[in-house]
């Protein structure tokens, strides 16, 4: 099976959600991974909203490309602008950019828990839609 990587800045939220959805929706078609250009802690809101949707990413952890050195990726999805602009070179891999809003950044000045969760849920659902339609992106 081909290997697909979801790449973000910190591998704490968007790329983790994408990996979770991909493993749930397409586990028999590809091997899925996520990584960041930097390492951050796994985002607790991302874990929460994914659990609400029936996807458990609580055992995921933040990693960088260097943590996945022996894997050759056929497709690399950059899910944020920073990762797209600073994407490392992947020999033989096709880079596909599908950017999503950054929930932690959007929630920086929001104190209401429900408002924060709305933002995370919106981005979660947008990522799910992208993963559900992954063939559209792979065949461009």
N, C-alpha and C. Protein backbone atom coordinates (compact mmCIF):
# COMPACT_ATOMS: atom_id res chain seq x y z
N UNK A 1 0.84 -1.19 0.00
CA UNK A 1 0.00 0.00 0.00
C UNK A 1 0.88 1.25 0.00
N UNK A 2 0.37 2.29 -0.65
CA UNK A 2 1.08 3.56 -0.68
C UNK A 2 1.00 4.25 0.68
N UNK A 3 2.03 5.04 0.98
CA UNK A 3 2.09 5.80 2.22
C UNK A 3 1.68 7.24 1.96
N UNK A 4 0.80 7.76 2.84
CA UNK A 4 0.34 9.14 2.76
C UNK A 4 0.68 9.84 4.07
N UNK A 5 1.24 11.05 3.94
CA UNK A 5 1.60 11.85 5.10
C UNK A 5 0.74 13.11 5.14
N UNK A 6 0.24 13.44 6.32
CA UNK A 6 -0.43 14.72 6.56
C UNK A 6 0.55 15.58 7.36
N UNK A 7 0.92 16.71 6.80
CA UNK A 7 1.97 17.56 7.38
C UNK A 7 1.38 18.90 7.80
N UNK A 8 1.71 19.31 9.01
CA UNK A 8 1.28 20.59 9.56
C UNK A 8 2.48 21.20 10.30
N UNK A 9 2.27 22.31 10.93
CA UNK A 9 3.38 22.95 11.63
C UNK A 9 3.78 22.15 12.87
N UNK A 10 2.86 21.94 13.80
CA UNK A 10 3.21 21.33 15.07
C UNK A 10 2.76 19.91 15.27
N UNK A 11 2.02 19.35 14.30
CA UNK A 11 1.49 18.00 14.41
C UNK A 11 0.75 17.82 15.73
N UNK A 12 -0.06 18.83 16.05
CA UNK A 12 -0.80 18.78 17.31
C UNK A 12 -2.31 18.74 17.08
N UNK A 13 -2.79 19.18 15.91
CA UNK A 13 -4.22 19.35 15.72
C UNK A 13 -4.67 18.89 14.32
N UNK A 14 -4.49 19.73 13.30
CA UNK A 14 -5.04 19.45 11.98
C UNK A 14 -4.49 18.18 11.35
N UNK A 15 -3.19 18.01 11.37
CA UNK A 15 -2.62 16.80 10.76
C UNK A 15 -3.00 15.56 11.56
N UNK A 16 -3.15 15.70 12.86
CA UNK A 16 -3.58 14.58 13.70
C UNK A 16 -5.03 14.19 13.38
N UNK A 17 -5.89 15.19 13.21
CA UNK A 17 -7.27 14.91 12.85
C UNK A 17 -7.34 14.24 11.48
N UNK A 18 -6.54 14.72 10.54
CA UNK A 18 -6.52 14.12 9.19
C UNK A 18 -6.07 12.66 9.25
N UNK A 19 -5.03 12.39 10.01
CA UNK A 19 -4.56 11.01 10.15
C UNK A 19 -5.65 10.14 10.78
N UNK A 20 -6.31 10.65 11.81
CA UNK A 20 -7.37 9.90 12.46
C UNK A 20 -8.51 9.58 11.52
N UNK A 21 -8.99 10.59 10.78
CA UNK A 21 -10.06 10.35 9.81
C UNK A 21 -9.62 9.37 8.73
N UNK A 22 -8.42 9.55 8.22
CA UNK A 22 -7.95 8.69 7.13
C UNK A 22 -7.87 7.23 7.56
N UNK A 23 -7.37 6.99 8.75
CA UNK A 23 -7.28 5.61 9.24
C UNK A 23 -8.67 5.01 9.44
N UNK A 24 -9.63 5.83 9.84
CA UNK A 24 -10.99 5.34 10.04
C UNK A 24 -11.69 5.08 8.70
N UNK A 25 -11.50 5.98 7.75
CA UNK A 25 -12.26 5.92 6.50
C UNK A 25 -11.60 5.13 5.38
N UNK A 26 -10.27 5.03 5.40
CA UNK A 26 -9.55 4.39 4.27
C UNK A 26 -8.45 3.44 4.74
N UNK A 27 -8.63 2.82 5.89
CA UNK A 27 -7.55 2.03 6.49
C UNK A 27 -7.05 0.89 5.62
N UNK A 28 -7.86 0.37 4.73
CA UNK A 28 -7.45 -0.77 3.90
C UNK A 28 -6.86 -0.35 2.56
N UNK A 29 -6.77 0.95 2.33
CA UNK A 29 -6.29 1.43 1.03
C UNK A 29 -4.87 2.00 1.07
N UNK A 30 -4.52 2.65 2.19
CA UNK A 30 -3.23 3.33 2.30
C UNK A 30 -2.71 3.19 3.73
N UNK A 31 -1.41 3.47 3.90
CA UNK A 31 -0.83 3.63 5.22
C UNK A 31 -0.77 5.13 5.48
N UNK A 32 -1.32 5.57 6.61
CA UNK A 32 -1.39 7.00 6.90
C UNK A 32 -0.50 7.37 8.07
N UNK A 33 0.11 8.56 7.95
CA UNK A 33 0.99 9.11 8.97
C UNK A 33 0.72 10.61 9.08
N UNK A 34 1.15 11.18 10.18
CA UNK A 34 1.14 12.63 10.31
C UNK A 34 2.44 13.06 10.96
N UNK A 35 2.82 14.29 10.67
CA UNK A 35 4.04 14.85 11.25
C UNK A 35 3.94 16.36 11.16
N UNK A 36 4.88 17.02 11.82
CA UNK A 36 4.95 18.47 11.79
C UNK A 36 6.33 18.94 11.40
N UNK A 37 6.41 20.20 11.03
CA UNK A 37 7.73 20.77 10.77
C UNK A 37 8.43 21.05 12.10
N UNK A 38 7.62 21.09 13.19
CA UNK A 38 8.11 21.23 14.56
C UNK A 38 7.28 20.29 15.43
N UNK A 39 7.72 20.03 16.63
CA UNK A 39 6.97 19.17 17.54
C UNK A 39 6.27 20.00 18.61
N UNK A 40 4.97 19.78 18.76
CA UNK A 40 4.17 20.40 19.81
C UNK A 40 3.44 19.29 20.55
N UNK A 41 2.78 19.62 21.64
CA UNK A 41 1.96 18.62 22.34
C UNK A 41 0.67 18.37 21.57
N UNK A 42 0.13 17.18 21.70
CA UNK A 42 -1.15 16.85 21.11
C UNK A 42 -2.22 17.76 21.70
N UNK A 43 -3.05 18.35 20.87
CA UNK A 43 -4.05 19.32 21.30
C UNK A 43 -5.25 18.61 21.92
N UNK A 44 -5.58 18.94 23.14
CA UNK A 44 -6.67 18.27 23.86
C UNK A 44 -8.03 18.54 23.24
N UNK A 45 -8.23 19.71 22.65
CA UNK A 45 -9.51 19.99 21.98
C UNK A 45 -9.66 19.13 20.72
N UNK A 46 -8.57 18.93 20.01
CA UNK A 46 -8.62 18.06 18.83
C UNK A 46 -9.01 16.65 19.24
N UNK A 47 -8.42 16.17 20.33
CA UNK A 47 -8.75 14.83 20.84
C UNK A 47 -10.23 14.77 21.19
N UNK A 48 -10.72 15.79 21.87
CA UNK A 48 -12.12 15.81 22.32
C UNK A 48 -13.10 15.79 21.16
N UNK A 49 -12.90 16.67 20.17
CA UNK A 49 -13.88 16.73 19.08
C UNK A 49 -13.79 15.51 18.17
N UNK A 50 -12.63 14.91 18.08
CA UNK A 50 -12.53 13.67 17.30
C UNK A 50 -13.25 12.53 18.03
N UNK A 51 -13.11 12.48 19.35
CA UNK A 51 -13.83 11.46 20.13
C UNK A 51 -15.32 11.62 19.97
N UNK A 52 -15.80 12.85 19.94
CA UNK A 52 -17.22 13.10 19.72
C UNK A 52 -17.71 12.48 18.40
N UNK A 53 -16.83 12.45 17.41
CA UNK A 53 -17.16 11.91 16.09
C UNK A 53 -16.83 10.43 15.96
N UNK A 54 -16.39 9.81 17.06
CA UNK A 54 -16.11 8.38 17.04
C UNK A 54 -14.73 7.99 16.57
N UNK A 55 -13.79 8.94 16.60
CA UNK A 55 -12.41 8.67 16.19
C UNK A 55 -11.50 8.96 17.38
N UNK A 56 -10.79 7.95 17.82
CA UNK A 56 -9.91 8.10 18.98
C UNK A 56 -8.48 8.39 18.54
N UNK A 57 -8.03 9.61 18.80
CA UNK A 57 -6.63 9.95 18.50
C UNK A 57 -5.85 10.19 19.79
N UNK A 58 -6.40 9.76 20.90
CA UNK A 58 -5.78 10.04 22.20
C UNK A 58 -4.41 9.37 22.36
N UNK A 59 -4.14 8.32 21.58
CA UNK A 59 -2.85 7.64 21.67
C UNK A 59 -1.84 8.21 20.67
N UNK A 60 -2.25 9.21 19.88
CA UNK A 60 -1.32 9.85 18.95
C UNK A 60 -0.35 10.73 19.74
N UNK A 61 0.76 11.05 19.12
CA UNK A 61 1.72 11.97 19.73
C UNK A 61 2.35 12.81 18.63
N UNK A 62 2.82 13.96 18.98
CA UNK A 62 3.42 14.87 18.01
C UNK A 62 4.79 14.35 17.59
N UNK A 63 5.02 14.39 16.28
CA UNK A 63 6.30 13.96 15.74
C UNK A 63 6.69 14.85 14.55
N UNK A 64 7.94 14.80 14.20
CA UNK A 64 8.44 15.56 13.05
C UNK A 64 8.80 14.57 11.95
N UNK A 65 9.15 15.11 10.81
CA UNK A 65 9.58 14.29 9.68
C UNK A 65 10.76 13.40 10.07
N UNK A 66 11.64 13.95 10.90
CA UNK A 66 12.82 13.20 11.32
C UNK A 66 12.45 11.96 12.13
N UNK A 67 11.26 11.95 12.70
CA UNK A 67 10.79 10.78 13.45
C UNK A 67 10.27 9.67 12.54
N UNK A 68 10.18 9.96 11.23
CA UNK A 68 9.68 8.98 10.25
C UNK A 68 10.70 8.81 9.13
N UNK A 69 11.97 8.53 9.45
CA UNK A 69 13.04 8.61 8.45
C UNK A 69 13.02 7.51 7.38
N UNK A 70 12.51 6.36 7.68
CA UNK A 70 12.62 5.24 6.75
C UNK A 70 11.35 4.99 5.96
N UNK A 71 10.47 5.98 5.89
CA UNK A 71 9.20 5.82 5.19
C UNK A 71 9.22 6.67 3.93
N UNK A 72 8.90 6.06 2.82
CA UNK A 72 8.80 6.77 1.55
C UNK A 72 7.34 7.12 1.31
N UNK A 73 7.05 8.40 1.15
CA UNK A 73 5.67 8.84 0.99
C UNK A 73 5.35 9.10 -0.48
N UNK A 74 4.26 8.52 -0.95
CA UNK A 74 3.81 8.76 -2.32
C UNK A 74 3.08 10.10 -2.40
N UNK A 75 2.33 10.42 -1.33
CA UNK A 75 1.57 11.67 -1.28
C UNK A 75 1.82 12.36 0.05
N UNK A 76 1.99 13.68 -0.01
CA UNK A 76 2.17 14.49 1.19
C UNK A 76 1.13 15.60 1.14
N UNK A 77 0.20 15.57 2.08
CA UNK A 77 -0.82 16.61 2.17
C UNK A 77 -0.34 17.65 3.19
N UNK A 78 -0.12 18.87 2.75
CA UNK A 78 0.15 19.95 3.69
C UNK A 78 -1.21 20.55 4.06
N UNK A 79 -1.51 20.58 5.35
CA UNK A 79 -2.84 21.01 5.80
C UNK A 79 -2.82 22.39 6.46
N UNK A 80 -1.70 23.08 6.32
CA UNK A 80 -1.62 24.46 6.78
C UNK A 80 -0.63 25.21 5.91
N UNK A 81 -0.79 26.53 5.84
CA UNK A 81 0.05 27.34 4.98
C UNK A 81 1.53 27.29 5.34
N UNK A 82 1.82 27.30 6.64
CA UNK A 82 3.22 27.27 7.07
C UNK A 82 3.91 25.98 6.62
N UNK A 83 3.24 24.86 6.77
CA UNK A 83 3.83 23.59 6.34
C UNK A 83 4.01 23.57 4.82
N UNK A 84 3.06 24.16 4.11
CA UNK A 84 3.17 24.21 2.65
C UNK A 84 4.36 25.06 2.23
N UNK A 85 4.54 26.21 2.89
CA UNK A 85 5.64 27.11 2.55
C UNK A 85 6.99 26.56 2.99
N UNK A 86 7.02 25.77 4.04
CA UNK A 86 8.27 25.24 4.58
C UNK A 86 8.39 23.73 4.42
N UNK A 87 7.69 23.20 3.44
CA UNK A 87 7.67 21.75 3.25
C UNK A 87 9.05 21.25 2.85
N UNK A 88 9.53 20.23 3.55
CA UNK A 88 10.82 19.64 3.16
C UNK A 88 10.70 18.96 1.81
N UNK A 89 11.80 18.62 1.23
CA UNK A 89 11.81 17.92 -0.05
C UNK A 89 11.52 16.44 0.19
N UNK A 90 10.57 15.91 -0.58
CA UNK A 90 10.24 14.49 -0.53
C UNK A 90 10.50 13.91 -1.91
N UNK A 91 11.57 13.17 -2.04
CA UNK A 91 11.93 12.59 -3.33
C UNK A 91 10.85 11.62 -3.77
N UNK A 92 10.28 11.88 -4.94
CA UNK A 92 9.28 10.98 -5.51
C UNK A 92 7.88 11.17 -4.96
N UNK A 93 7.72 12.01 -3.96
CA UNK A 93 6.39 12.22 -3.38
C UNK A 93 5.68 13.42 -3.99
N UNK A 94 4.39 13.28 -4.17
CA UNK A 94 3.58 14.37 -4.71
C UNK A 94 3.03 15.20 -3.55
N UNK A 95 3.30 16.50 -3.55
CA UNK A 95 2.82 17.37 -2.48
C UNK A 95 1.48 17.99 -2.91
N UNK A 96 0.50 17.86 -2.05
CA UNK A 96 -0.84 18.36 -2.29
C UNK A 96 -1.19 19.29 -1.12
N UNK A 97 -1.49 20.54 -1.44
CA UNK A 97 -1.84 21.48 -0.36
C UNK A 97 -3.34 21.64 -0.25
N UNK A 98 -3.87 21.37 0.94
CA UNK A 98 -5.27 21.61 1.27
C UNK A 98 -5.24 22.27 2.64
N UNK A 99 -5.29 23.59 2.67
CA UNK A 99 -5.14 24.32 3.92
C UNK A 99 -6.44 24.44 4.71
N UNK A 100 -6.29 24.42 6.01
CA UNK A 100 -7.40 24.58 6.94
C UNK A 100 -7.05 25.64 7.97
N UNK A 101 -8.10 26.29 8.50
CA UNK A 101 -7.89 27.25 9.58
C UNK A 101 -7.20 26.57 10.76
N UNK A 102 -6.47 27.36 11.53
CA UNK A 102 -5.75 26.87 12.70
C UNK A 102 -6.61 27.10 13.96
N UNK A 103 -7.29 26.06 14.46
CA UNK A 103 -8.16 26.25 15.62
C UNK A 103 -7.46 26.88 16.83
N UNK A 104 -6.26 26.44 17.23
CA UNK A 104 -5.64 27.08 18.40
C UNK A 104 -5.45 28.59 18.21
N UNK A 105 -5.07 28.99 17.01
CA UNK A 105 -4.87 30.42 16.75
C UNK A 105 -6.21 31.17 16.80
N UNK A 106 -7.25 30.58 16.21
CA UNK A 106 -8.56 31.22 16.21
C UNK A 106 -9.15 31.32 17.62
N UNK A 107 -8.74 30.43 18.50
CA UNK A 107 -9.30 30.39 19.86
C UNK A 107 -8.47 31.14 20.90
N UNK A 108 -7.39 31.75 20.47
CA UNK A 108 -6.48 32.41 21.42
C UNK A 108 -7.18 33.37 22.37
N UNK A 109 -8.11 34.15 21.86
CA UNK A 109 -8.76 35.17 22.68
C UNK A 109 -10.20 34.82 23.04
N UNK A 110 -10.54 33.56 22.90
CA UNK A 110 -11.90 33.12 23.23
C UNK A 110 -11.87 32.38 24.56
N UNK A 111 -12.69 32.80 25.47
CA UNK A 111 -12.73 32.14 26.78
C UNK A 111 -13.85 31.12 26.88
N UNK A 112 -14.93 31.31 26.12
CA UNK A 112 -16.08 30.42 26.19
C UNK A 112 -15.75 29.05 25.57
N UNK A 113 -15.86 28.03 26.38
CA UNK A 113 -15.53 26.66 25.97
C UNK A 113 -16.35 26.21 24.76
N UNK A 114 -17.63 26.50 24.75
CA UNK A 114 -18.49 26.07 23.65
C UNK A 114 -18.12 26.76 22.34
N UNK A 115 -17.71 28.01 22.42
CA UNK A 115 -17.28 28.73 21.21
C UNK A 115 -16.00 28.11 20.65
N UNK A 116 -15.09 27.76 21.54
CA UNK A 116 -13.86 27.09 21.10
C UNK A 116 -14.19 25.77 20.42
N UNK A 117 -15.06 24.99 21.04
CA UNK A 117 -15.41 23.69 20.49
C UNK A 117 -16.08 23.82 19.12
N UNK A 118 -16.86 24.87 18.91
CA UNK A 118 -17.49 25.10 17.60
C UNK A 118 -16.43 25.25 16.51
N UNK A 119 -15.38 25.97 16.83
CA UNK A 119 -14.30 26.17 15.85
C UNK A 119 -13.60 24.84 15.56
N UNK A 120 -13.27 24.11 16.60
CA UNK A 120 -12.60 22.82 16.40
C UNK A 120 -13.50 21.85 15.62
N UNK A 121 -14.79 21.85 15.92
CA UNK A 121 -15.72 20.96 15.21
C UNK A 121 -15.82 21.33 13.73
N UNK A 122 -15.85 22.63 13.45
CA UNK A 122 -15.92 23.07 12.05
C UNK A 122 -14.71 22.58 11.27
N UNK A 123 -13.53 22.78 11.83
CA UNK A 123 -12.30 22.36 11.14
C UNK A 123 -12.26 20.83 11.06
N UNK A 124 -12.66 20.15 12.12
CA UNK A 124 -12.73 18.67 12.10
C UNK A 124 -13.58 18.20 10.93
N UNK A 125 -14.75 18.81 10.77
CA UNK A 125 -15.67 18.39 9.71
C UNK A 125 -15.14 18.73 8.32
N UNK A 126 -14.43 19.84 8.19
CA UNK A 126 -13.82 20.19 6.91
C UNK A 126 -12.73 19.19 6.55
N UNK A 127 -11.96 18.78 7.54
CA UNK A 127 -10.90 17.79 7.30
C UNK A 127 -11.53 16.46 6.93
N UNK A 128 -12.59 16.08 7.62
CA UNK A 128 -13.29 14.83 7.28
C UNK A 128 -13.74 14.86 5.82
N UNK A 129 -14.31 15.97 5.39
CA UNK A 129 -14.77 16.09 4.01
C UNK A 129 -13.61 15.90 3.03
N UNK A 130 -12.47 16.50 3.33
CA UNK A 130 -11.30 16.33 2.47
C UNK A 130 -10.87 14.87 2.41
N UNK A 131 -10.83 14.22 3.57
CA UNK A 131 -10.38 12.82 3.61
C UNK A 131 -11.40 11.91 2.92
N UNK A 132 -12.68 12.19 3.10
CA UNK A 132 -13.71 11.38 2.42
C UNK A 132 -13.54 11.45 0.90
N UNK A 133 -13.07 12.58 0.41
CA UNK A 133 -12.89 12.81 -1.03
C UNK A 133 -11.43 12.75 -1.44
N UNK A 134 -10.65 11.93 -0.77
CA UNK A 134 -9.20 11.89 -0.99
C UNK A 134 -8.85 11.55 -2.44
N UNK A 135 -9.66 10.71 -3.08
CA UNK A 135 -9.37 10.35 -4.47
C UNK A 135 -9.37 11.56 -5.39
N UNK A 136 -10.22 12.52 -5.11
CA UNK A 136 -10.27 13.76 -5.90
C UNK A 136 -8.89 14.44 -5.89
N UNK A 137 -8.25 14.48 -4.74
CA UNK A 137 -6.96 15.13 -4.61
C UNK A 137 -5.83 14.30 -5.19
N UNK A 138 -5.93 12.99 -5.06
CA UNK A 138 -4.86 12.12 -5.55
C UNK A 138 -4.85 12.06 -7.07
N UNK A 139 -5.98 12.30 -7.69
CA UNK A 139 -6.09 12.18 -9.14
C UNK A 139 -5.99 13.51 -9.87
N UNK A 140 -5.62 14.57 -9.16
CA UNK A 140 -5.46 15.89 -9.82
C UNK A 140 -4.23 15.90 -10.68
